[in-house]
Amino acid sequence: MARKFPLFLDISDKKIVVYGAGRIASRRVETLLAFTSSLTVFAPEASEPVQKAWKEGKLSYSQEAYVPDSIPEDAFMVLAATDSAEVNEAIWQECRKKKILVNVCSNREHCDFQFPGVAVNGDLVIGINAGGSDHHLAKTWTDKIRKEVFQDGYDD
């Protein structure tokens, strides 16, 4: 797999769609909320963090599962993070047709981008990536930067 180019994008007004609301999706949603308020989560059941963010008005939430040909045409980016590799694959195929950036949590070969570990302190944003093959390594370094360099962790 080719190395990915690190690129920092302004997604503050971009429509981001997340399918799934389990552990992986919840972590990614939590990270994205520091950068955008235009986030929609589709999942039959939502984790506590997703429910809390929805109740606080930080994101839109629909209890609908993915339905073929339902991804909004104006979506900038989609995260396929359901508990079904088959559903994630269908989301990937639809995004390819619609030319929407997509990250599939169950298949790194079907990712236009990789989701980095993120450490934020004021205007300083550091993204850590291990090529999609060693999430533990990326998490270890992200946590190390948050604790040792930034002294506490996240600063929205």
N, C-alpha and C. Protein backbone atom coordinates (compact mmCIF):
# COMPACT_ATOMS: atom_id res chain seq x y z
N MET A 1 0.83 -1.18 0.00
CA MET A 1 0.00 0.00 0.00
C MET A 1 0.88 1.24 0.00
N ALA A 2 0.53 2.21 -0.81
CA ALA A 2 1.30 3.45 -0.91
C ALA A 2 1.17 4.27 0.37
N ARG A 3 2.24 4.98 0.69
CA ARG A 3 2.19 5.88 1.84
C ARG A 3 1.21 7.01 1.57
N LYS A 4 0.55 7.46 2.61
CA LYS A 4 -0.41 8.55 2.49
C LYS A 4 0.29 9.88 2.80
N PHE A 5 -0.10 10.92 2.08
CA PHE A 5 0.44 12.25 2.29
C PHE A 5 -0.31 12.93 3.44
N PRO A 6 0.41 13.46 4.44
CA PRO A 6 -0.29 14.15 5.53
C PRO A 6 -0.81 15.50 5.03
N LEU A 7 -2.08 15.73 5.24
CA LEU A 7 -2.72 16.94 4.74
C LEU A 7 -3.72 17.42 5.78
N PHE A 8 -3.64 18.68 6.14
CA PHE A 8 -4.57 19.23 7.12
C PHE A 8 -5.60 20.07 6.39
N LEU A 9 -6.86 19.66 6.49
CA LEU A 9 -7.96 20.28 5.76
C LEU A 9 -8.87 21.07 6.69
N ASP A 10 -9.43 22.15 6.17
CA ASP A 10 -10.48 22.87 6.88
C ASP A 10 -11.79 22.15 6.60
N ILE A 11 -12.30 21.45 7.59
CA ILE A 11 -13.56 20.72 7.41
C ILE A 11 -14.69 21.37 8.21
N SER A 12 -14.46 22.59 8.67
CA SER A 12 -15.43 23.24 9.55
C SER A 12 -16.82 23.35 8.94
N ASP A 13 -16.90 23.50 7.62
CA ASP A 13 -18.22 23.63 6.99
C ASP A 13 -18.49 22.49 6.00
N LYS A 14 -17.73 21.43 6.09
CA LYS A 14 -17.91 20.29 5.19
C LYS A 14 -18.85 19.26 5.83
N LYS A 15 -19.70 18.67 5.01
CA LYS A 15 -20.63 17.64 5.51
C LYS A 15 -19.88 16.33 5.67
N ILE A 16 -19.81 15.86 6.91
CA ILE A 16 -19.15 14.61 7.25
C ILE A 16 -20.23 13.62 7.68
N VAL A 17 -20.20 12.42 7.11
CA VAL A 17 -21.20 11.40 7.43
C VAL A 17 -20.48 10.18 8.01
N VAL A 18 -21.00 9.69 9.12
CA VAL A 18 -20.44 8.51 9.78
C VAL A 18 -21.52 7.44 9.84
N TYR A 19 -21.19 6.25 9.36
CA TYR A 19 -22.09 5.10 9.48
C TYR A 19 -21.53 4.19 10.56
N GLY A 20 -22.32 4.00 11.62
CA GLY A 20 -21.88 3.22 12.76
C GLY A 20 -21.71 4.14 13.96
N ALA A 21 -21.90 3.59 15.15
CA ALA A 21 -21.73 4.39 16.36
C ALA A 21 -21.19 3.52 17.49
N GLY A 22 -20.38 2.56 17.12
CA GLY A 22 -19.72 1.71 18.11
C GLY A 22 -18.43 2.34 18.60
N ARG A 23 -17.53 1.51 19.08
CA ARG A 23 -16.29 1.99 19.69
C ARG A 23 -15.43 2.79 18.72
N ILE A 24 -15.16 2.25 17.53
CA ILE A 24 -14.30 2.94 16.56
C ILE A 24 -14.97 4.22 16.08
N ALA A 25 -16.22 4.12 15.67
CA ALA A 25 -16.93 5.30 15.18
C ALA A 25 -17.00 6.38 16.26
N SER A 26 -17.24 6.00 17.49
CA SER A 26 -17.35 6.97 18.59
C SER A 26 -16.05 7.73 18.80
N ARG A 27 -14.93 7.02 18.74
CA ARG A 27 -13.62 7.69 18.88
C ARG A 27 -13.42 8.69 17.75
N ARG A 28 -13.77 8.29 16.55
CA ARG A 28 -13.58 9.17 15.40
C ARG A 28 -14.52 10.36 15.45
N VAL A 29 -15.74 10.14 15.88
CA VAL A 29 -16.69 11.24 16.04
C VAL A 29 -16.17 12.23 17.06
N GLU A 30 -15.69 11.73 18.19
CA GLU A 30 -15.16 12.61 19.23
C GLU A 30 -14.02 13.48 18.68
N THR A 31 -13.14 12.89 17.90
CA THR A 31 -12.04 13.65 17.30
C THR A 31 -12.57 14.68 16.31
N LEU A 32 -13.48 14.26 15.44
CA LEU A 32 -14.01 15.17 14.41
C LEU A 32 -14.74 16.36 15.00
N LEU A 33 -15.40 16.19 16.13
CA LEU A 33 -16.17 17.29 16.72
C LEU A 33 -15.30 18.48 17.10
N ALA A 34 -14.01 18.28 17.25
CA ALA A 34 -13.10 19.39 17.53
C ALA A 34 -12.84 20.23 16.28
N PHE A 35 -13.29 19.73 15.11
CA PHE A 35 -12.97 20.38 13.85
C PHE A 35 -14.19 20.74 12.99
N THR A 36 -15.36 20.21 13.32
CA THR A 36 -16.54 20.47 12.50
C THR A 36 -17.81 20.38 13.33
N SER A 37 -18.82 21.10 12.89
CA SER A 37 -20.14 20.98 13.52
C SER A 37 -21.15 20.43 12.51
N SER A 38 -20.65 20.03 11.35
CA SER A 38 -21.51 19.50 10.30
C SER A 38 -21.31 17.99 10.18
N LEU A 39 -21.70 17.30 11.23
CA LEU A 39 -21.44 15.87 11.35
C LEU A 39 -22.77 15.13 11.54
N THR A 40 -22.98 14.10 10.73
CA THR A 40 -24.19 13.29 10.85
C THR A 40 -23.80 11.84 11.06
N VAL A 41 -24.40 11.21 12.05
CA VAL A 41 -24.14 9.80 12.36
C VAL A 41 -25.41 9.00 12.07
N PHE A 42 -25.24 7.92 11.30
CA PHE A 42 -26.33 6.98 11.02
C PHE A 42 -25.99 5.66 11.69
N ALA A 43 -26.85 5.21 12.59
CA ALA A 43 -26.63 3.93 13.26
C ALA A 43 -27.90 3.54 14.01
N PRO A 44 -28.29 2.27 13.93
CA PRO A 44 -29.48 1.83 14.66
C PRO A 44 -29.38 2.06 16.16
N GLU A 45 -28.17 1.92 16.70
CA GLU A 45 -27.93 2.17 18.12
C GLU A 45 -26.69 3.05 18.24
N ALA A 46 -26.72 3.96 19.20
CA ALA A 46 -25.58 4.87 19.38
C ALA A 46 -24.93 4.65 20.74
N SER A 47 -23.63 4.80 20.77
CA SER A 47 -22.88 4.71 22.02
C SER A 47 -23.22 5.93 22.88
N GLU A 48 -22.86 5.86 24.15
CA GLU A 48 -23.10 6.99 25.05
C GLU A 48 -22.45 8.27 24.55
N PRO A 49 -21.18 8.25 24.10
CA PRO A 49 -20.58 9.50 23.62
C PRO A 49 -21.33 10.12 22.44
N VAL A 50 -21.81 9.28 21.52
CA VAL A 50 -22.56 9.80 20.37
C VAL A 50 -23.89 10.36 20.84
N GLN A 51 -24.59 9.66 21.72
CA GLN A 51 -25.86 10.15 22.25
C GLN A 51 -25.68 11.48 22.97
N LYS A 52 -24.63 11.57 23.77
CA LYS A 52 -24.35 12.80 24.53
C LYS A 52 -24.10 13.97 23.58
N ALA A 53 -23.26 13.75 22.57
CA ALA A 53 -22.96 14.82 21.60
C ALA A 53 -24.23 15.24 20.85
N TRP A 54 -25.08 14.28 20.53
CA TRP A 54 -26.34 14.57 19.84
C TRP A 54 -27.25 15.41 20.74
N LYS A 55 -27.40 15.00 22.00
CA LYS A 55 -28.25 15.74 22.94
C LYS A 55 -27.73 17.15 23.19
N GLU A 56 -26.42 17.33 23.09
CA GLU A 56 -25.82 18.66 23.27
C GLU A 56 -25.86 19.48 21.98
N GLY A 57 -26.42 18.92 20.91
CA GLY A 57 -26.54 19.65 19.65
C GLY A 57 -25.26 19.75 18.85
N LYS A 58 -24.30 18.87 19.14
CA LYS A 58 -23.01 18.92 18.45
C LYS A 58 -23.00 18.14 17.14
N LEU A 59 -24.00 17.28 16.94
CA LEU A 59 -24.08 16.49 15.71
C LEU A 59 -25.53 16.11 15.45
N SER A 60 -25.78 15.66 14.23
CA SER A 60 -27.09 15.11 13.88
C SER A 60 -26.99 13.59 13.99
N TYR A 61 -28.08 12.99 14.44
CA TYR A 61 -28.08 11.54 14.60
C TYR A 61 -29.37 10.96 14.05
N SER A 62 -29.24 9.89 13.29
CA SER A 62 -30.39 9.17 12.76
C SER A 62 -30.24 7.69 13.11
N GLN A 63 -31.30 7.09 13.60
CA GLN A 63 -31.26 5.67 13.97
C GLN A 63 -31.36 4.75 12.76
N GLU A 64 -31.26 5.30 11.58
CA GLU A 64 -31.34 4.50 10.36
C GLU A 64 -30.01 3.79 10.09
N ALA A 65 -30.11 2.56 9.65
CA ALA A 65 -28.93 1.84 9.17
C ALA A 65 -28.66 2.29 7.74
N TYR A 66 -27.50 1.96 7.23
CA TYR A 66 -27.17 2.29 5.84
C TYR A 66 -28.15 1.61 4.89
N VAL A 67 -28.61 2.38 3.92
CA VAL A 67 -29.48 1.89 2.85
C VAL A 67 -28.77 2.23 1.54
N PRO A 68 -28.64 1.29 0.61
CA PRO A 68 -27.97 1.59 -0.66
C PRO A 68 -28.54 2.83 -1.34
N ASP A 69 -27.65 3.60 -1.94
CA ASP A 69 -27.97 4.84 -2.65
C ASP A 69 -28.55 5.91 -1.75
N SER A 70 -28.17 5.91 -0.49
CA SER A 70 -28.70 6.91 0.45
C SER A 70 -27.65 7.92 0.93
N ILE A 71 -26.40 7.74 0.53
CA ILE A 71 -25.37 8.67 0.98
C ILE A 71 -25.63 10.02 0.33
N PRO A 72 -25.69 11.08 1.14
CA PRO A 72 -25.97 12.41 0.58
C PRO A 72 -24.95 12.81 -0.49
N GLU A 73 -25.45 13.33 -1.60
CA GLU A 73 -24.59 13.74 -2.72
C GLU A 73 -23.59 14.81 -2.29
N ASP A 74 -23.98 15.65 -1.32
CA ASP A 74 -23.12 16.75 -0.90
C ASP A 74 -22.17 16.38 0.24
N ALA A 75 -22.09 15.09 0.57
CA ALA A 75 -21.14 14.67 1.60
C ALA A 75 -19.72 14.89 1.10
N PHE A 76 -18.89 15.44 1.95
CA PHE A 76 -17.48 15.66 1.62
C PHE A 76 -16.67 14.41 1.96
N MET A 77 -17.03 13.80 3.09
CA MET A 77 -16.26 12.67 3.60
C MET A 77 -17.21 11.71 4.31
N VAL A 78 -16.95 10.41 4.15
CA VAL A 78 -17.76 9.38 4.81
C VAL A 78 -16.84 8.43 5.56
N LEU A 79 -17.24 8.09 6.77
CA LEU A 79 -16.55 7.07 7.55
C LEU A 79 -17.47 5.86 7.63
N ALA A 80 -17.02 4.74 7.10
CA ALA A 80 -17.78 3.49 7.17
C ALA A 80 -17.24 2.70 8.34
N ALA A 81 -17.94 2.77 9.46
CA ALA A 81 -17.47 2.14 10.70
C ALA A 81 -18.57 1.32 11.34
N THR A 82 -19.29 0.57 10.52
CA THR A 82 -20.33 -0.32 11.06
C THR A 82 -19.66 -1.61 11.52
N ASP A 83 -20.43 -2.47 12.15
CA ASP A 83 -19.87 -3.76 12.59
C ASP A 83 -19.99 -4.83 11.51
N SER A 84 -20.32 -4.41 10.28
CA SER A 84 -20.45 -5.35 9.17
C SER A 84 -19.51 -4.98 8.03
N ALA A 85 -18.55 -5.86 7.76
CA ALA A 85 -17.62 -5.61 6.64
C ALA A 85 -18.38 -5.52 5.32
N GLU A 86 -19.46 -6.28 5.20
CA GLU A 86 -20.27 -6.26 3.97
C GLU A 86 -20.94 -4.89 3.78
N VAL A 87 -21.49 -4.33 4.84
CA VAL A 87 -22.12 -3.00 4.77
C VAL A 87 -21.05 -1.95 4.48
N ASN A 88 -19.92 -2.04 5.17
CA ASN A 88 -18.83 -1.09 4.93
C ASN A 88 -18.39 -1.12 3.47
N GLU A 89 -18.34 -2.31 2.90
CA GLU A 89 -17.97 -2.48 1.48
C GLU A 89 -18.98 -1.79 0.57
N ALA A 90 -20.27 -1.92 0.88
CA ALA A 90 -21.31 -1.28 0.07
C ALA A 90 -21.20 0.24 0.17
N ILE A 91 -20.89 0.74 1.36
CA ILE A 91 -20.69 2.18 1.55
C ILE A 91 -19.51 2.64 0.71
N TRP A 92 -18.42 1.88 0.75
CA TRP A 92 -17.23 2.21 -0.04
C TRP A 92 -17.58 2.29 -1.53
N GLN A 93 -18.31 1.29 -2.03
CA GLN A 93 -18.66 1.27 -3.45
C GLN A 93 -19.51 2.48 -3.83
N GLU A 94 -20.46 2.84 -2.98
CA GLU A 94 -21.30 4.01 -3.28
C GLU A 94 -20.48 5.29 -3.27
N CYS A 95 -19.58 5.41 -2.31
CA CYS A 95 -18.71 6.60 -2.25
C CYS A 95 -17.82 6.69 -3.48
N ARG A 96 -17.31 5.56 -3.96
CA ARG A 96 -16.47 5.56 -5.17
C ARG A 96 -17.27 6.11 -6.34
N LYS A 97 -18.52 5.63 -6.49
CA LYS A 97 -19.38 6.09 -7.59
C LYS A 97 -19.65 7.59 -7.50
N LYS A 98 -19.86 8.07 -6.28
CA LYS A 98 -20.21 9.48 -6.07
C LYS A 98 -18.99 10.38 -5.89
N LYS A 99 -17.80 9.79 -5.95
CA LYS A 99 -16.54 10.52 -5.79
C LYS A 99 -16.47 11.28 -4.45
N ILE A 100 -16.85 10.55 -3.40
CA ILE A 100 -16.80 11.07 -2.04
C ILE A 100 -15.64 10.39 -1.31
N LEU A 101 -14.84 11.17 -0.61
CA LEU A 101 -13.75 10.60 0.19
C LEU A 101 -14.33 9.64 1.21
N VAL A 102 -13.68 8.49 1.35
CA VAL A 102 -14.21 7.48 2.28
C VAL A 102 -13.09 6.79 3.04
N ASN A 103 -13.39 6.46 4.29
CA ASN A 103 -12.51 5.66 5.13
C ASN A 103 -13.32 4.47 5.61
N VAL A 104 -12.82 3.27 5.34
CA VAL A 104 -13.51 2.04 5.72
C VAL A 104 -12.72 1.39 6.86
N CYS A 105 -13.32 1.34 8.04
CA CYS A 105 -12.58 0.86 9.21
C CYS A 105 -12.20 -0.61 9.10
N SER A 106 -12.92 -1.38 8.29
CA SER A 106 -12.67 -2.82 8.21
C SER A 106 -11.79 -3.22 7.03
N ASN A 107 -11.32 -2.25 6.24
CA ASN A 107 -10.49 -2.59 5.08
C ASN A 107 -9.62 -1.40 4.69
N ARG A 108 -8.38 -1.40 5.14
CA ARG A 108 -7.52 -0.24 4.87
C ARG A 108 -7.22 -0.05 3.39
N GLU A 109 -7.41 -1.09 2.59
CA GLU A 109 -7.21 -0.95 1.14
C GLU A 109 -8.31 -0.09 0.51
N HIS A 110 -9.43 0.08 1.22
CA HIS A 110 -10.55 0.86 0.70
C HIS A 110 -10.66 2.21 1.40
N CYS A 111 -9.52 2.78 1.73
CA CYS A 111 -9.50 4.08 2.40
C CYS A 111 -8.83 5.12 1.51
N ASP A 112 -9.55 6.20 1.23
CA ASP A 112 -8.94 7.33 0.53
C ASP A 112 -8.01 8.08 1.47
N PHE A 113 -8.27 7.95 2.74
CA PHE A 113 -7.45 8.61 3.76
C PHE A 113 -7.45 7.72 4.99
N GLN A 114 -6.46 7.91 5.82
CA GLN A 114 -6.39 7.17 7.08
C GLN A 114 -6.69 8.15 8.20
N PHE A 115 -7.36 7.66 9.20
CA PHE A 115 -7.74 8.50 10.32
C PHE A 115 -6.59 8.51 11.32
N PRO A 116 -5.96 9.67 11.55
CA PRO A 116 -4.80 9.71 12.44
C PRO A 116 -5.18 9.81 13.91
N GLY A 117 -4.20 9.53 14.75
CA GLY A 117 -4.32 9.92 16.14
C GLY A 117 -4.11 11.43 16.15
N VAL A 118 -4.87 12.17 16.93
CA VAL A 118 -4.80 13.63 16.90
C VAL A 118 -4.53 14.17 18.29
N ALA A 119 -3.55 15.07 18.36
CA ALA A 119 -3.26 15.79 19.60
C ALA A 119 -3.39 17.28 19.28
N VAL A 120 -4.16 17.99 20.10
CA VAL A 120 -4.45 19.40 19.85
C VAL A 120 -4.08 20.22 21.07
N ASN A 121 -3.43 21.35 20.83
CA ASN A 121 -3.14 22.32 21.88
C ASN A 121 -3.20 23.70 21.25
N GLY A 122 -4.31 24.40 21.46
CA GLY A 122 -4.49 25.70 20.81
C GLY A 122 -4.53 25.52 19.30
N ASP A 123 -3.69 26.28 18.61
CA ASP A 123 -3.63 26.18 17.15
C ASP A 123 -2.72 25.05 16.67
N LEU A 124 -1.99 24.44 17.58
CA LEU A 124 -1.09 23.35 17.20
C LEU A 124 -1.87 22.04 17.12
N VAL A 125 -1.86 21.43 15.94
CA VAL A 125 -2.54 20.15 15.73
C VAL A 125 -1.50 19.17 15.20
N ILE A 126 -1.37 18.04 15.88
CA ILE A 126 -0.43 17.01 15.45
C ILE A 126 -1.22 15.74 15.12
N GLY A 127 -0.99 15.22 13.92
CA GLY A 127 -1.63 13.98 13.50
C GLY A 127 -0.59 12.87 13.44
N ILE A 128 -0.90 11.73 14.02
CA ILE A 128 0.03 10.60 14.06
C ILE A 128 -0.58 9.44 13.27
N ASN A 129 0.20 8.86 12.36
CA ASN A 129 -0.29 7.77 11.53
C ASN A 129 0.80 6.72 11.39
N ALA A 130 0.41 5.46 11.47
CA ALA A 130 1.35 4.35 11.31
C ALA A 130 1.00 3.53 10.08
N GLY A 131 0.48 4.20 9.06
CA GLY A 131 0.20 3.53 7.80
C GLY A 131 -1.01 2.61 7.82
N GLY A 132 -1.81 2.70 8.88
CA GLY A 132 -2.99 1.86 8.96
C GLY A 132 -2.72 0.44 9.41
N SER A 133 -1.45 0.13 9.69
CA SER A 133 -1.13 -1.25 10.04
C SER A 133 -0.88 -1.45 11.53
N ASP A 134 -0.60 -0.38 12.27
CA ASP A 134 -0.29 -0.53 13.69
C ASP A 134 -0.97 0.58 14.47
N HIS A 135 -2.26 0.40 14.73
CA HIS A 135 -3.03 1.42 15.45
C HIS A 135 -2.50 1.63 16.86
N HIS A 136 -1.99 0.57 17.48
CA HIS A 136 -1.45 0.69 18.83
C HIS A 136 -0.25 1.63 18.86
N LEU A 137 0.62 1.53 17.87
CA LEU A 137 1.79 2.41 17.79
C LEU A 137 1.35 3.87 17.65
N ALA A 138 0.40 4.13 16.76
CA ALA A 138 -0.09 5.50 16.57
C ALA A 138 -0.74 6.02 17.86
N LYS A 139 -1.53 5.18 18.52
CA LYS A 139 -2.19 5.59 19.77
C LYS A 139 -1.16 5.86 20.86
N THR A 140 -0.14 5.01 20.96
CA THR A 140 0.90 5.20 21.97
C THR A 140 1.58 6.55 21.80
N TRP A 141 1.96 6.89 20.57
CA TRP A 141 2.63 8.16 20.31
C TRP A 141 1.69 9.35 20.49
N THR A 142 0.44 9.20 20.09
CA THR A 142 -0.53 10.28 20.29
C THR A 142 -0.71 10.55 21.78
N ASP A 143 -0.89 9.50 22.57
CA ASP A 143 -1.04 9.66 24.02
C ASP A 143 0.20 10.27 24.64
N LYS A 144 1.37 9.85 24.17
CA LYS A 144 2.64 10.38 24.69
C LYS A 144 2.74 11.88 24.43
N ILE A 145 2.38 12.31 23.24
CA ILE A 145 2.42 13.74 22.91
C ILE A 145 1.40 14.50 23.76
N ARG A 146 0.20 13.98 23.88
CA ARG A 146 -0.83 14.65 24.69
C ARG A 146 -0.38 14.83 26.13
N LYS A 147 0.19 13.77 26.71
CA LYS A 147 0.56 13.81 28.12
C LYS A 147 1.88 14.53 28.38
N GLU A 148 2.91 14.21 27.59
CA GLU A 148 4.24 14.73 27.89
C GLU A 148 4.53 16.07 27.24
N VAL A 149 4.01 16.30 26.05
CA VAL A 149 4.28 17.56 25.37
C VAL A 149 3.21 18.59 25.71
N PHE A 150 1.95 18.19 25.64
CA PHE A 150 0.86 19.12 25.89
C PHE A 150 0.43 19.13 27.36
N GLN A 151 1.00 18.27 28.16
CA GLN A 151 0.79 18.20 29.60
C GLN A 151 -0.55 17.67 30.06
N ASP A 152 -1.56 17.60 29.18
CA ASP A 152 -2.84 17.09 29.66
C ASP A 152 -3.65 16.35 28.61
N GLY A 153 -3.55 16.72 27.40
CA GLY A 153 -4.35 16.02 26.40
C GLY A 153 -5.06 16.96 25.48
N TYR A 154 -6.33 16.72 25.29
CA TYR A 154 -7.13 17.46 24.33
C TYR A 154 -7.43 18.86 24.80
N ASP A 155 -7.37 19.78 23.89
CA ASP A 155 -7.77 21.16 24.16
C ASP A 155 -8.62 21.59 23.00
N ASP A 156 -9.95 21.61 23.17
CA ASP A 156 -10.77 22.06 22.06
C ASP A 156 -10.73 23.54 22.05
